[in-house]
C-alpha atoms as a PDB file:
ATOM      1  CA  MET A   1    -105.036   7.212 152.142  1.00  0.00           C
ATOM      2  CA  THR A   2    -106.767   8.125 149.163  1.00  0.00           C
ATOM      3  CA  PHE A   3    -105.604   7.604 145.483  1.00  0.00           C
ATOM      4  CA  SER A   4    -106.785   9.226 142.685  1.00  0.00           C
ATOM      5  CA  ARG A   5    -107.052   7.043 139.480  1.00  0.00           C
ATOM      6  CA  ARG A   6    -104.137   9.084 138.263  1.00  0.00           C
ATOM      7  CA  THR A   7    -101.883   7.690 140.961  1.00  0.00           C
ATOM      8  CA  MET A   8    -103.416   4.532 140.623  1.00  0.00           C
ATOM      9  CA  VAL A   9    -102.855   4.027 136.899  1.00  0.00           C
ATOM     10  CA  GLY A  10     -99.519   6.010 137.404  1.00  0.00           C
ATOM     11  CA  LEU A  11     -98.453   3.501 140.659  1.00  0.00           C
ATOM     12  CA  GLY A  12     -99.052   0.330 138.025  1.00  0.00           C
ATOM     13  CA  ALA A  13     -97.180   1.743 135.069  1.00  0.00           C
ATOM     14  CA  GLY A  14     -94.485   1.774 137.607  1.00  0.00           C
ATOM     15  CA  LEU A  15     -95.312  -1.518 139.219  1.00  0.00           C
ATOM     16  CA  VAL A  16     -94.582  -2.535 135.222  1.00  0.00           C
ATOM     17  CA  ALA A  17     -91.745  -1.009 134.671  1.00  0.00           C
ATOM     18  CA  ALA A  18     -90.152  -2.536 137.510  1.00  0.00           C
ATOM     19  CA  ALA A  19     -90.985  -6.565 135.650  1.00  0.00           C
ATOM     20  CA  LEU A  20     -89.845  -4.658 133.378  1.00  0.00           C
ATOM     21  CA  GLY A  21     -86.732  -4.609 134.170  1.00  0.00           C
ATOM     22  CA  PRO A  22     -84.629  -7.697 132.326  1.00  0.00           C
ATOM     23  CA  ALA A  23     -87.039  -7.497 129.692  1.00  0.00           C
ATOM     24  CA  LEU A  24     -86.576  -4.097 129.191  1.00  0.00           C
ATOM     25  CA  ARG A  25     -82.443  -4.727 129.121  1.00  0.00           C
ATOM     26  CA  VAL A  26     -83.063  -7.776 126.862  1.00  0.00           C
ATOM     27  CA  ALA A  27     -84.657  -6.131 124.836  1.00  0.00           C
ATOM     28  CA  ARG A  28     -82.182  -2.807 123.924  1.00  0.00           C
ATOM     29  CA  ALA A  29     -78.623  -5.542 124.031  1.00  0.00           C
ATOM     30  CA  GLN A  30     -80.833  -6.458 120.301  1.00  0.00           C
ATOM     31  CA  PRO A  31     -78.685  -9.873 120.027  1.00  0.00           C
ATOM     32  CA  ALA A  32     -77.843 -11.078 115.597  1.00  0.00           C
ATOM     33  CA  GLY A  33     -79.306 -13.782 114.000  1.00  0.00           C
ATOM     34  CA  PRO A  34     -82.359 -14.445 111.692  1.00  0.00           C
ATOM     35  CA  PHE A  35     -85.769 -13.668 112.399  1.00  0.00           C
ATOM     36  CA  THR A  36     -85.783  -9.464 113.271  1.00  0.00           C
ATOM     37  CA  LEU A  37     -89.291  -7.534 115.186  1.00  0.00           C
ATOM     38  CA  PRO A  38     -92.000  -6.460 112.695  1.00  0.00           C
ATOM     39  CA  PRO A  39     -92.864  -2.570 112.745  1.00  0.00           C
ATOM     40  CA  LEU A  40     -95.852  -2.191 114.000  1.00  0.00           C
ATOM     41  CA  PRO A  41     -98.342  -2.370 110.853  1.00  0.00           C
ATOM     42  CA  TYR A  42    -100.180   1.469 111.818  1.00  0.00           C
ATOM     43  CA  ALA A  43     -98.521   4.540 114.474  1.00  0.00           C
ATOM     44  CA  PRO A  44     -99.575   2.954 118.470  1.00  0.00           C
ATOM     45  CA  ASP A  45    -102.777   5.073 119.057  1.00  0.00           C
ATOM     46  CA  ALA A  46    -104.260   3.513 115.962  1.00  0.00           C
ATOM     47  CA  ASN A  47    -106.014   0.394 118.658  1.00  0.00           C
ATOM     48  CA  GLU A  48    -107.423   3.620 120.923  1.00  0.00           C
ATOM     49  CA  ALA A  49    -110.779   1.781 121.118  1.00  0.00           C
ATOM     50  CA  ALA A  50    -109.320  -1.694 123.395  1.00  0.00           C
ATOM     51  CA  ILE A  51    -105.984  -0.766 123.775  1.00  0.00           C
ATOM     52  CA  ASP A  52    -103.793   2.121 124.548  1.00  0.00           C
ATOM     53  CA  ALA A  53    -100.978   3.480 122.997  1.00  0.00           C
ATOM     54  CA  ARG A  54     -98.387   2.372 126.342  1.00  0.00           C
ATOM     55  CA  THR A  55     -99.363  -0.120 126.443  1.00  0.00           C
ATOM     56  CA  MET A  56     -98.980  -0.634 122.740  1.00  0.00           C
ATOM     57  CA  GLU A  57     -95.304   0.220 121.943  1.00  0.00           C
ATOM     58  CA  ILE A  58     -94.453  -1.715 125.426  1.00  0.00           C
ATOM     59  CA  HIS A  59     -96.152  -4.202 124.337  1.00  0.00           C
ATOM     60  CA  HIS A  60     -94.533  -4.217 121.144  1.00  0.00           C
ATOM     61  CA  ARG A  61     -90.743  -2.991 121.515  1.00  0.00           C
ATOM     62  CA  PHE A  62     -90.307  -5.093 124.961  1.00  0.00           C
ATOM     63  CA  HIS A  63     -91.823  -7.364 125.590  1.00  0.00           C
ATOM     64  CA  HIS A  64     -92.244  -9.303 121.844  1.00  0.00           C
ATOM     65  CA  GLY A  65     -88.574  -6.977 121.167  1.00  0.00           C
ATOM     66  CA  GLY A  66     -87.610  -9.605 123.993  1.00  0.00           C
ATOM     67  CA  GLN A  67     -88.762 -12.208 122.556  1.00  0.00           C
ATOM     68  CA  VAL A  68     -86.751 -12.476 119.412  1.00  0.00           C
ATOM     69  CA  ASN A  69     -83.901 -11.592 120.898  1.00  0.00           C
ATOM     70  CA  ASN A  70     -84.310 -14.790 122.964  1.00  0.00           C
ATOM     71  CA  LEU A  71     -84.839 -16.867 120.065  1.00  0.00           C
ATOM     72  CA  ASN A  72     -82.004 -15.420 117.833  1.00  0.00           C
ATOM     73  CA  ALA A  73     -79.582 -16.283 120.547  1.00  0.00           C
ATOM     74  CA  ALA A  74     -80.560 -20.149 121.639  1.00  0.00           C
ATOM     75  CA  LEU A  75     -80.510 -20.400 117.508  1.00  0.00           C
ATOM     76  CA  ALA A  76     -76.333 -18.924 118.142  1.00  0.00           C
ATOM     77  CA  GLY A  77     -74.509 -21.283 116.798  1.00  0.00           C
ATOM     78  CA  HIS A  78     -77.069 -23.531 115.478  1.00  0.00           C
ATOM     79  CA  GLY A  79     -77.068 -22.836 110.939  1.00  0.00           C
ATOM     80  CA  GLN A  80     -78.901 -24.976 110.592  1.00  0.00           C
ATOM     81  CA  LEU A  81     -82.267 -24.538 112.617  1.00  0.00           C
ATOM     82  CA  ALA A  82     -81.006 -20.577 112.645  1.00  0.00           C
ATOM     83  CA  ALA A  83     -81.875 -21.067 108.498  1.00  0.00           C
ATOM     84  CA  MET A  84     -85.401 -22.818 108.969  1.00  0.00           C
ATOM     85  CA  PRO A  85     -88.714 -20.968 109.234  1.00  0.00           C
ATOM     86  CA  LEU A  86     -90.173 -19.858 112.138  1.00  0.00           C
ATOM     87  CA  ASP A  87     -93.303 -21.747 111.757  1.00  0.00           C
ATOM     88  CA  GLN A  88     -91.266 -25.608 110.392  1.00  0.00           C
ATOM     89  CA  ILE A  89     -89.321 -24.972 113.767  1.00  0.00           C
ATOM     90  CA  LEU A  90     -92.460 -24.662 115.985  1.00  0.00           C
ATOM     91  CA  MET A  91     -94.154 -27.590 113.441  1.00  0.00           C
ATOM     92  CA  ARG A  92     -91.283 -29.848 114.346  1.00  0.00           C
ATOM     93  CA  LEU A  93     -90.468 -28.091 118.226  1.00  0.00           C
ATOM     94  CA  ALA A  94     -89.792 -32.129 119.126  1.00  0.00           C
ATOM     95  CA  GLU A  95     -86.957 -32.502 116.982  1.00  0.00           C
ATOM     96  CA  MET A  96     -85.296 -29.626 118.329  1.00  0.00           C
ATOM     97  CA  PRO A  97     -82.340 -30.028 120.469  1.00  0.00           C
ATOM     98  CA  GLU A  98     -82.970 -30.341 123.593  1.00  0.00           C
ATOM     99  CA  THR A  99     -81.058 -27.877 125.850  1.00  0.00           C
ATOM    100  CA  ILE A 100     -82.494 -25.428 122.955  1.00  0.00           C
ATOM    101  CA  ARG A 101     -86.412 -26.235 122.327  1.00  0.00           C
ATOM    102  CA  THR A 102     -87.896 -24.341 125.953  1.00  0.00           C
ATOM    103  CA  ALA A 103     -86.406 -21.348 124.201  1.00  0.00           C
ATOM    104  CA  LEU A 104     -87.990 -21.759 121.211  1.00  0.00           C
ATOM    105  CA  ARG A 105     -91.160 -22.709 122.719  1.00  0.00           C
ATOM    106  CA  ASN A 106     -91.922 -20.195 124.642  1.00  0.00           C
ATOM    107  CA  ASN A 107     -90.255 -17.387 122.105  1.00  0.00           C
ATOM    108  CA  GLY A 108     -90.377 -18.467 118.806  1.00  0.00           C
ATOM    109  CA  GLY A 109     -94.231 -19.274 120.467  1.00  0.00           C
ATOM    110  CA  GLY A 110     -94.342 -15.563 121.039  1.00  0.00           C
ATOM    111  CA  HIS A 111     -92.875 -14.474 118.498  1.00  0.00           C
ATOM    112  CA  ALA A 112     -95.393 -16.345 115.964  1.00  0.00           C
ATOM    113  CA  ASN A 113     -98.103 -15.532 118.328  1.00  0.00           C
ATOM    114  CA  HIS A 114     -97.412 -11.705 118.365  1.00  0.00           C
ATOM    115  CA  THR A 115     -96.778 -11.347 114.913  1.00  0.00           C
ATOM    116  CA  MET A 116     -99.803 -13.037 114.017  1.00  0.00           C
ATOM    117  CA  PHE A 117    -101.560 -10.435 116.361  1.00  0.00           C
ATOM    118  CA  TRP A 118    -100.403  -6.980 115.291  1.00  0.00           C
ATOM    119  CA  VAL A 119    -101.709  -8.028 111.940  1.00  0.00           C
ATOM    120  CA  ILE A 120    -105.206  -8.742 112.757  1.00  0.00           C
ATOM    121  CA  MET A 121    -106.155  -5.010 114.201  1.00  0.00           C
ATOM    122  CA  GLY A 122    -105.239  -1.373 113.799  1.00  0.00           C
ATOM    123  CA  GLY A 123    -109.251  -1.712 112.070  1.00  0.00           C
ATOM    124  CA  ARG A 124    -112.393  -0.749 113.389  1.00  0.00           C
ATOM    125  CA  GLY A 125    -114.644  -4.055 114.259  1.00  0.00           C
ATOM    126  CA  GLY A 126    -117.191  -5.348 112.697  1.00  0.00           C
ATOM    127  CA  GLU A 127    -118.133  -8.149 111.359  1.00  0.00           C
ATOM    128  CA  PRO A 128    -115.932 -10.103 108.235  1.00  0.00           C
ATOM    129  CA  SER A 129    -118.556 -10.883 105.295  1.00  0.00           C
ATOM    130  CA  GLY A 130    -117.292 -12.613 102.398  1.00  0.00           C
ATOM    131  CA  GLU A 131    -116.219 -16.226 102.597  1.00  0.00           C
ATOM    132  CA  LEU A 132    -114.918 -16.449 106.220  1.00  0.00           C
ATOM    133  CA  ALA A 133    -118.157 -14.901 107.378  1.00  0.00           C
ATOM    134  CA  ALA A 134    -120.055 -17.917 105.380  1.00  0.00           C
ATOM    135  CA  ALA A 135    -117.462 -20.178 107.292  1.00  0.00           C
ATOM    136  CA  ILE A 136    -117.971 -18.584 110.835  1.00  0.00           C
ATOM    137  CA  THR A 137    -121.511 -19.884 110.070  1.00  0.00           C
ATOM    138  CA  ARG A 138    -121.038 -23.170 108.743  1.00  0.00           C
ATOM    139  CA  ASP A 139    -118.824 -23.521 111.867  1.00  0.00           C
ATOM    140  CA  PHE A 140    -120.150 -21.526 114.390  1.00  0.00           C
ATOM    141  CA  GLY A 141    -123.725 -20.750 113.678  1.00  0.00           C
ATOM    142  CA  GLY A 142    -123.770 -16.580 113.119  1.00  0.00           C
ATOM    143  CA  PHE A 143    -121.351 -14.596 114.498  1.00  0.00           C
ATOM    144  CA  SER A 144    -122.871 -13.950 117.468  1.00  0.00           C
ATOM    145  CA  GLN A 145    -122.411 -17.260 118.396  1.00  0.00           C
ATOM    146  CA  PHE A 146    -118.354 -17.521 117.322  1.00  0.00           C
ATOM    147  CA  ARG A 147    -117.793 -14.040 118.878  1.00  0.00           C
ATOM    148  CA  GLU A 148    -120.121 -16.195 122.264  1.00  0.00           C
ATOM    149  CA  ARG A 149    -117.635 -18.696 122.358  1.00  0.00           C
ATOM    150  CA  PHE A 150    -114.443 -17.178 121.100  1.00  0.00           C
ATOM    151  CA  ASP A 151    -114.868 -14.856 124.336  1.00  0.00           C
ATOM    152  CA  ARG A 152    -115.567 -18.115 126.871  1.00  0.00           C
ATOM    153  CA  ALA A 153    -112.546 -19.169 125.582  1.00  0.00           C
ATOM    154  CA  SER A 154    -110.755 -15.747 126.686  1.00  0.00           C
ATOM    155  CA  MET A 155    -112.114 -15.523 129.981  1.00  0.00           C
ATOM    156  CA  GLY A 156    -111.259 -19.602 130.142  1.00  0.00           C
ATOM    157  CA  VAL A 157    -107.218 -19.607 129.890  1.00  0.00           C
ATOM    158  CA  PHE A 158    -106.056 -19.753 133.283  1.00  0.00           C
ATOM    159  CA  GLY A 159    -103.345 -17.310 133.907  1.00  0.00           C
ATOM    160  CA  SER A 160    -101.287 -16.206 130.760  1.00  0.00           C
ATOM    161  CA  GLY A 161    -102.093 -17.524 127.803  1.00  0.00           C
ATOM    162  CA  TRP A 162    -103.725 -16.891 124.041  1.00  0.00           C
ATOM    163  CA  ALA A 163    -106.964 -17.971 123.239  1.00  0.00           C
ATOM    164  CA  PHE A 164    -107.249 -18.729 118.707  1.00  0.00           C
ATOM    165  CA  VAL A 165    -109.697 -19.488 116.251  1.00  0.00           C
ATOM    166  CA  THR A 166    -107.680 -21.752 114.090  1.00  0.00           C
ATOM    167  CA  VAL A 167    -108.175 -23.262 110.236  1.00  0.00           C
ATOM    168  CA  ASN A 168    -107.134 -25.987 107.899  1.00  0.00           C
ATOM    169  CA  ARG A 169    -106.123 -26.441 104.517  1.00  0.00           C
ATOM    170  CA  HIS A 170    -110.394 -26.768 103.455  1.00  0.00           C
ATOM    171  CA  GLY A 171    -111.147 -23.865 105.611  1.00  0.00           C
ATOM    172  CA  GLY A 172    -112.778 -25.264 108.890  1.00  0.00           C
ATOM    173  CA  LEU A 173    -112.929 -23.389 111.492  1.00  0.00           C
ATOM    174  CA  ALA A 174    -111.869 -24.235 115.285  1.00  0.00           C
ATOM    175  CA  VAL A 175    -111.678 -22.315 118.696  1.00  0.00           C
ATOM    176  CA  VAL A 176    -108.591 -23.551 121.378  1.00  0.00           C
ATOM    177  CA  GLN A 177    -106.630 -22.060 123.985  1.00  0.00           C
ATOM    178  CA  ARG A 178    -103.277 -22.113 124.411  1.00  0.00           C
ATOM    179  CA  PRO A 179    -101.145 -21.149 127.851  1.00  0.00           C
ATOM    180  CA  ASN A 180     -98.370 -19.505 127.630  1.00  0.00           C
ATOM    181  CA  GLN A 181     -96.437 -18.781 124.509  1.00  0.00           C
ATOM    182  CA  ASP A 182     -97.826 -21.754 122.719  1.00  0.00           C
ATOM    183  CA  ASN A 183     -98.873 -21.773 119.076  1.00  0.00           C
ATOM    184  CA  PRO A 184    -100.827 -24.113 117.393  1.00  0.00           C
ATOM    185  CA  LEU A 185     -98.304 -24.414 115.042  1.00  0.00           C
ATOM    186  CA  MET A 186     -96.622 -26.437 117.767  1.00  0.00           C
ATOM    187  CA  ASP A 187     -99.455 -29.603 117.311  1.00  0.00           C
ATOM    188  CA  GLY A 188     -99.553 -28.936 114.026  1.00  0.00           C
ATOM    189  CA  GLU A 189    -102.680 -26.424 113.545  1.00  0.00           C
ATOM    190  CA  ARG A 190    -102.515 -23.120 111.492  1.00  0.00           C
ATOM    191  CA  VAL A 191    -103.986 -19.900 113.208  1.00  0.00           C
ATOM    192  CA  LEU A 192    -106.146 -17.664 112.110  1.00  0.00           C
ATOM    193  CA  MET A 193    -106.760 -14.866 115.323  1.00  0.00           C
ATOM    194  CA  GLY A 194    -106.448 -14.399 117.938  1.00  0.00           C
ATOM    195  CA  ASN A 195    -106.596 -12.553 121.188  1.00  0.00           C
ATOM    196  CA  ASP A 196    -103.384 -11.887 123.753  1.00  0.00           C
ATOM    197  CA  LEU A 197    -104.759 -13.308 127.294  1.00  0.00           C
ATOM    198  CA  TRP A 198    -101.446 -12.274 129.245  1.00  0.00           C
ATOM    199  CA  GLU A 199    -102.057  -9.119 131.016  1.00  0.00           C
ATOM    200  CA  HIS A 200     -99.265  -6.996 129.908  1.00  0.00           C
ATOM    201  CA  ALA A 201    -101.791  -7.245 127.235  1.00  0.00           C
ATOM    202  CA  TYR A 202    -104.105  -4.571 129.042  1.00  0.00           C
ATOM    203  CA  TYR A 203    -103.097  -4.389 133.073  1.00  0.00           C
ATOM    204  CA  LEU A 204    -101.772  -0.761 132.426  1.00  0.00           C
ATOM    205  CA  ARG A 205    -105.978   0.768 131.222  1.00  0.00           C
ATOM    206  CA  TYR A 206    -107.952  -2.522 132.618  1.00  0.00           C
ATOM    207  CA  GLN A 207    -105.648  -3.981 135.778  1.00  0.00           C
ATOM    208  CA  ASN A 208    -107.652  -6.779 136.447  1.00  0.00           C
ATOM    209  CA  ARG A 209    -110.424  -7.130 133.555  1.00  0.00           C
ATOM    210  CA  ARG A 210    -110.292  -8.783 131.385  1.00  0.00           C
ATOM    211  CA  ALA A 211    -113.656  -9.423 130.416  1.00  0.00           C
ATOM    212  CA  GLU A 212    -113.370  -5.150 129.608  1.00  0.00           C
ATOM    213  CA  TYR A 213    -110.116  -4.997 127.763  1.00  0.00           C
ATOM    214  CA  VAL A 214    -111.359  -8.795 125.701  1.00  0.00           C
ATOM    215  CA  ARG A 215    -114.857  -7.195 125.121  1.00  0.00           C
ATOM    216  CA  ASN A 216    -113.330  -3.914 123.590  1.00  0.00           C
ATOM    217  CA  TRP A 217    -111.114  -5.929 121.422  1.00  0.00           C
ATOM    218  CA  TRP A 218    -113.263  -6.020 118.590  1.00  0.00           C
ATOM    219  CA  ASN A 219    -113.544  -2.989 118.141  1.00  0.00           C
ATOM    220  CA  VAL A 220    -109.760  -2.832 116.690  1.00  0.00           C
ATOM    221  CA  LEU A 221    -110.457  -6.522 114.806  1.00  0.00           C
ATOM    222  CA  ASP A 222    -109.405  -5.288 110.963  1.00  0.00           C
ATOM    223  CA  TRP A 223    -111.686  -8.166 108.734  1.00  0.00           C
ATOM    224  CA  SER A 224    -109.886  -7.401 105.618  1.00  0.00           C
ATOM    225  CA  LYS A 225    -106.530  -8.134 107.114  1.00  0.00           C
ATOM    226  CA  ILE A 226    -107.964 -12.016 109.002  1.00  0.00           C
ATOM    227  CA  GLY A 227    -109.902 -12.447 105.301  1.00  0.00           C
ATOM    228  CA  ALA A 228    -106.736 -12.823 103.876  1.00  0.00           C
ATOM    229  CA  ARG A 229    -105.711 -15.041 106.373  1.00  0.00           C
ATOM    230  CA  TYR A 230    -108.266 -17.286 105.447  1.00  0.00           C
ATOM    231  CA  ALA A 231    -108.021 -17.236 101.843  1.00  0.00           C
ATOM    232  CA  ALA A 232    -104.140 -17.078 102.350  1.00  0.00           C
ATOM    233  CA  ALA A 233    -105.013 -21.259 104.856  1.00  0.00           C
ATOM    234  CA  LYS A 234    -106.959 -22.308 101.748  1.00  0.00           C
ATOM    235  CA  ALA A 235    -104.797 -22.009  99.069  1.00  0.00           C
ATOM    236  CA  GLY A 236    -101.853 -23.413 101.892  1.00  0.00           C
ATOM    237  CA  THR A 237     -99.557 -19.873 102.172  1.00  0.00           C
ATOM    238  CA  LEU A 238    -100.300 -19.810 105.694  1.00  0.00           C
ATOM    239  CA  THR A 239     -97.533 -19.438 108.112  1.00  0.00           C
ATOM    240  CA  ILE A 240     -96.970 -17.390 111.420  1.00  0.00           C
END
């Protein structure tokens, strides 16, 4: 039996839909709570140079939406915690009630990670300028060296997880990896930018070709947004 590319993509979409079954039901439930799913800041097809529109829709509405709903469900009945900003919940995760700590880690981390992820895309790639460009040269030796290090971190994530660039109050940058939906805030670090290396972020177009996804992802970054996050980090106003 032979399969066309269209058939294989259709099979892949069907498998993803089947795997998403529970997530779809959760996302539609939308329990009330303090956190909401932010709208995409652009049309779903805005990142076609790297990510197809259908993947963006599924990823945003069902994966991220499901995490927001699960986060709100975990906080139900915990009024004081529900009033806390998300970055404070994640930075004080060890102080959270043990009964909901894992849910807060997975879903709160996922909410923070994805909120950042949507914001930094929608651009046309290229390279940063200004203070951010100077910081990259200072801490990595130049943009090409920075990109190479970040790509190695992205490819080195085993299974599901994220590659991040963290930033401190002095503007210092570092490349780190985190498994699952862990976020550097859990270690007291702020996130400048990051790439989602879960297969649901790229599978419909790339299947197992993570390297191709990682390479193309640079083409849709919005360096003006990332530069604004860098300025906010130095000003002490960057949250998630």
